[in-house]
Amino acid sequence: MTGPDRQQALAREARMVAVVLAAAMLVWMGAQWLGGRMGWETRFVFLFDLAAMAAFVWSLAVTWRIWRRGKTGQGN
């Protein structure tokens, strides 16, 4: 992959990370609010905490990969 194509691919991945982060945060906040309103047991609400943490770890890994790809492309 060359210059502009590579940059577009990196930008597309970065947008995907941003959407996943925003969606995970909104779903997590909504689940916390809804769980409190509906009186859900803590163990059920904790599942949303684990899902949000998984999304954040995934986003961190993909962001690291994007950063590494961008860094190797600058030197050549």
N, C-alpha and C. Protein backbone atom coordinates (compact mmCIF):
# COMPACT_ATOMS: atom_id res chain seq x y z
N MET A 1 0.86 -1.18 0.00
CA MET A 1 0.00 0.00 0.00
C MET A 1 0.90 1.24 0.00
N THR A 2 0.55 2.21 -0.82
CA THR A 2 1.38 3.41 -0.93
C THR A 2 0.73 4.59 -0.23
N GLY A 3 1.43 5.71 -0.21
CA GLY A 3 1.07 6.95 0.47
C GLY A 3 -0.39 7.22 0.75
N PRO A 4 -1.14 7.76 -0.24
CA PRO A 4 -2.54 8.14 0.03
C PRO A 4 -3.43 6.96 0.42
N ASP A 5 -3.20 5.80 -0.22
CA ASP A 5 -4.00 4.62 0.13
C ASP A 5 -3.75 4.21 1.58
N ARG A 6 -2.50 4.27 1.97
CA ARG A 6 -2.13 3.89 3.34
C ARG A 6 -2.75 4.87 4.36
N GLN A 7 -2.69 6.14 4.03
CA GLN A 7 -3.27 7.15 4.93
C GLN A 7 -4.78 6.98 5.04
N GLN A 8 -5.43 6.67 3.94
CA GLN A 8 -6.88 6.46 3.97
C GLN A 8 -7.23 5.24 4.81
N ALA A 9 -6.44 4.18 4.70
CA ALA A 9 -6.69 2.98 5.49
C ALA A 9 -6.51 3.26 6.98
N LEU A 10 -5.46 4.02 7.32
CA LEU A 10 -5.24 4.37 8.72
C LEU A 10 -6.37 5.27 9.25
N ALA A 11 -6.82 6.19 8.42
CA ALA A 11 -7.91 7.08 8.83
C ALA A 11 -9.21 6.30 9.02
N ARG A 12 -9.46 5.33 8.15
CA ARG A 12 -10.66 4.50 8.27
C ARG A 12 -10.64 3.69 9.57
N GLU A 13 -9.47 3.13 9.90
CA GLU A 13 -9.35 2.39 11.16
C GLU A 13 -9.53 3.31 12.37
N ALA A 14 -8.98 4.50 12.28
CA ALA A 14 -9.11 5.45 13.39
C ALA A 14 -10.57 5.86 13.60
N ARG A 15 -11.31 6.04 12.51
CA ARG A 15 -12.74 6.36 12.63
C ARG A 15 -13.49 5.20 13.27
N MET A 16 -13.13 3.97 12.90
CA MET A 16 -13.78 2.81 13.49
C MET A 16 -13.53 2.76 14.99
N VAL A 17 -12.31 3.05 15.41
CA VAL A 17 -11.99 3.07 16.85
C VAL A 17 -12.82 4.13 17.55
N ALA A 18 -12.94 5.30 16.94
CA ALA A 18 -13.71 6.39 17.54
C ALA A 18 -15.18 6.00 17.70
N VAL A 19 -15.75 5.35 16.70
CA VAL A 19 -17.15 4.93 16.77
C VAL A 19 -17.34 3.87 17.85
N VAL A 20 -16.42 2.92 17.92
CA VAL A 20 -16.53 1.87 18.95
C VAL A 20 -16.42 2.47 20.34
N LEU A 21 -15.48 3.40 20.54
CA LEU A 21 -15.34 4.03 21.85
C LEU A 21 -16.61 4.80 22.24
N ALA A 22 -17.13 5.59 21.32
CA ALA A 22 -18.33 6.37 21.61
C ALA A 22 -19.53 5.47 21.88
N ALA A 23 -19.70 4.44 21.07
CA ALA A 23 -20.84 3.53 21.24
C ALA A 23 -20.72 2.76 22.56
N ALA A 24 -19.52 2.31 22.87
CA ALA A 24 -19.33 1.57 24.12
C ALA A 24 -19.65 2.44 25.33
N MET A 25 -19.21 3.68 25.28
CA MET A 25 -19.46 4.59 26.40
C MET A 25 -20.95 4.88 26.54
N LEU A 26 -21.63 5.14 25.42
CA LEU A 26 -23.07 5.43 25.48
C LEU A 26 -23.88 4.22 25.95
N VAL A 27 -23.54 3.04 25.45
CA VAL A 27 -24.25 1.83 25.88
C VAL A 27 -23.99 1.57 27.35
N TRP A 28 -22.75 1.74 27.78
CA TRP A 28 -22.42 1.50 29.18
C TRP A 28 -23.17 2.47 30.10
N MET A 29 -23.16 3.76 29.73
CA MET A 29 -23.88 4.75 30.55
C MET A 29 -25.38 4.46 30.57
N GLY A 30 -25.94 4.10 29.42
CA GLY A 30 -27.36 3.77 29.36
C GLY A 30 -27.70 2.55 30.19
N ALA A 31 -26.83 1.55 30.17
CA ALA A 31 -27.08 0.34 30.96
C ALA A 31 -26.99 0.65 32.46
N GLN A 32 -26.05 1.50 32.85
CA GLN A 32 -25.95 1.88 34.26
C GLN A 32 -27.20 2.62 34.72
N TRP A 33 -27.66 3.54 33.89
CA TRP A 33 -28.85 4.31 34.24
C TRP A 33 -30.08 3.40 34.29
N LEU A 34 -30.24 2.58 33.24
CA LEU A 34 -31.40 1.70 33.17
C LEU A 34 -31.38 0.66 34.29
N GLY A 35 -30.20 0.15 34.60
CA GLY A 35 -30.08 -0.82 35.69
C GLY A 35 -30.48 -0.23 37.02
N GLY A 36 -30.11 1.02 37.25
CA GLY A 36 -30.49 1.68 38.49
C GLY A 36 -31.99 1.95 38.56
N ARG A 37 -32.57 2.32 37.43
CA ARG A 37 -34.01 2.62 37.38
C ARG A 37 -34.86 1.36 37.54
N MET A 38 -34.39 0.26 36.94
CA MET A 38 -35.19 -0.96 36.92
C MET A 38 -34.82 -1.91 38.06
N GLY A 39 -33.82 -1.57 38.82
CA GLY A 39 -33.45 -2.38 39.97
C GLY A 39 -32.78 -3.70 39.59
N TRP A 40 -31.99 -3.68 38.51
CA TRP A 40 -31.30 -4.90 38.10
C TRP A 40 -30.29 -5.31 39.17
N GLU A 41 -30.05 -6.61 39.24
CA GLU A 41 -29.04 -7.10 40.16
C GLU A 41 -27.66 -6.64 39.68
N THR A 42 -26.77 -6.50 40.63
CA THR A 42 -25.43 -6.01 40.34
C THR A 42 -24.71 -6.91 39.35
N ARG A 43 -24.93 -8.20 39.43
CA ARG A 43 -24.22 -9.13 38.55
C ARG A 43 -24.59 -8.92 37.08
N PHE A 44 -25.82 -8.48 36.81
CA PHE A 44 -26.22 -8.23 35.43
C PHE A 44 -25.60 -6.92 34.92
N VAL A 45 -25.60 -5.93 35.75
CA VAL A 45 -25.01 -4.65 35.36
C VAL A 45 -23.50 -4.79 35.19
N PHE A 46 -22.89 -5.68 35.96
CA PHE A 46 -21.46 -5.92 35.86
C PHE A 46 -21.08 -6.47 34.48
N LEU A 47 -21.99 -7.18 33.83
CA LEU A 47 -21.73 -7.67 32.48
C LEU A 47 -21.49 -6.52 31.51
N PHE A 48 -22.24 -5.43 31.68
CA PHE A 48 -22.04 -4.25 30.84
C PHE A 48 -20.69 -3.60 31.14
N ASP A 49 -20.27 -3.64 32.40
CA ASP A 49 -18.95 -3.13 32.75
C ASP A 49 -17.86 -3.93 32.03
N LEU A 50 -17.99 -5.25 32.04
CA LEU A 50 -17.00 -6.09 31.37
C LEU A 50 -16.99 -5.87 29.87
N ALA A 51 -18.17 -5.71 29.28
CA ALA A 51 -18.25 -5.46 27.84
C ALA A 51 -17.59 -4.12 27.49
N ALA A 52 -17.82 -3.10 28.30
CA ALA A 52 -17.20 -1.79 28.06
C ALA A 52 -15.69 -1.89 28.21
N MET A 53 -15.22 -2.60 29.21
CA MET A 53 -13.77 -2.76 29.37
C MET A 53 -13.17 -3.50 28.18
N ALA A 54 -13.86 -4.50 27.68
CA ALA A 54 -13.37 -5.23 26.50
C ALA A 54 -13.28 -4.30 25.29
N ALA A 55 -14.28 -3.45 25.11
CA ALA A 55 -14.25 -2.50 23.99
C ALA A 55 -13.10 -1.51 24.15
N PHE A 56 -12.83 -1.07 25.36
CA PHE A 56 -11.73 -0.12 25.59
C PHE A 56 -10.37 -0.78 25.35
N VAL A 57 -10.21 -2.03 25.78
CA VAL A 57 -8.96 -2.75 25.55
C VAL A 57 -8.75 -2.98 24.05
N TRP A 58 -9.82 -3.36 23.35
CA TRP A 58 -9.74 -3.55 21.91
C TRP A 58 -9.34 -2.24 21.23
N SER A 59 -9.97 -1.14 21.64
CA SER A 59 -9.66 0.16 21.05
C SER A 59 -8.21 0.55 21.30
N LEU A 60 -7.72 0.27 22.48
CA LEU A 60 -6.32 0.58 22.79
C LEU A 60 -5.39 -0.24 21.91
N ALA A 61 -5.69 -1.52 21.70
CA ALA A 61 -4.85 -2.38 20.86
C ALA A 61 -4.85 -1.90 19.41
N VAL A 62 -6.01 -1.54 18.90
CA VAL A 62 -6.09 -1.08 17.51
C VAL A 62 -5.41 0.28 17.36
N THR A 63 -5.57 1.15 18.33
CA THR A 63 -4.90 2.45 18.29
C THR A 63 -3.38 2.27 18.31
N TRP A 64 -2.89 1.35 19.11
CA TRP A 64 -1.45 1.06 19.15
C TRP A 64 -0.98 0.58 17.78
N ARG A 65 -1.77 -0.29 17.15
CA ARG A 65 -1.41 -0.80 15.83
C ARG A 65 -1.39 0.33 14.79
N ILE A 66 -2.37 1.22 14.85
CA ILE A 66 -2.41 2.36 13.92
C ILE A 66 -1.19 3.24 14.13
N TRP A 67 -0.85 3.49 15.37
CA TRP A 67 0.30 4.34 15.68
C TRP A 67 1.59 3.71 15.15
N ARG A 68 1.74 2.39 15.34
CA ARG A 68 2.94 1.71 14.86
C ARG A 68 3.03 1.73 13.34
N ARG A 69 1.91 1.52 12.66
CA ARG A 69 1.90 1.57 11.19
C ARG A 69 2.25 2.97 10.69
N GLY A 70 1.71 3.98 11.33
CA GLY A 70 2.01 5.35 10.92
C GLY A 70 3.46 5.71 11.16
N LYS A 71 4.00 5.21 12.25
CA LYS A 71 5.39 5.50 12.59
C LYS A 71 6.36 4.84 11.61
N THR A 72 6.09 3.61 11.21
CA THR A 72 6.99 2.93 10.27
C THR A 72 6.89 3.54 8.88
N GLY A 73 5.75 4.12 8.54
CA GLY A 73 5.59 4.74 7.23
C GLY A 73 6.31 6.07 7.10
N GLN A 74 6.58 6.76 8.19
CA GLN A 74 7.23 8.08 8.14
C GLN A 74 8.71 7.98 7.82
N GLY A 75 9.35 6.93 8.29
CA GLY A 75 10.80 6.81 8.12
C GLY A 75 11.21 6.41 6.71
N ASN A 76 10.33 5.81 5.94
CA ASN A 76 10.69 5.31 4.59
C ASN A 76 10.32 6.25 3.50
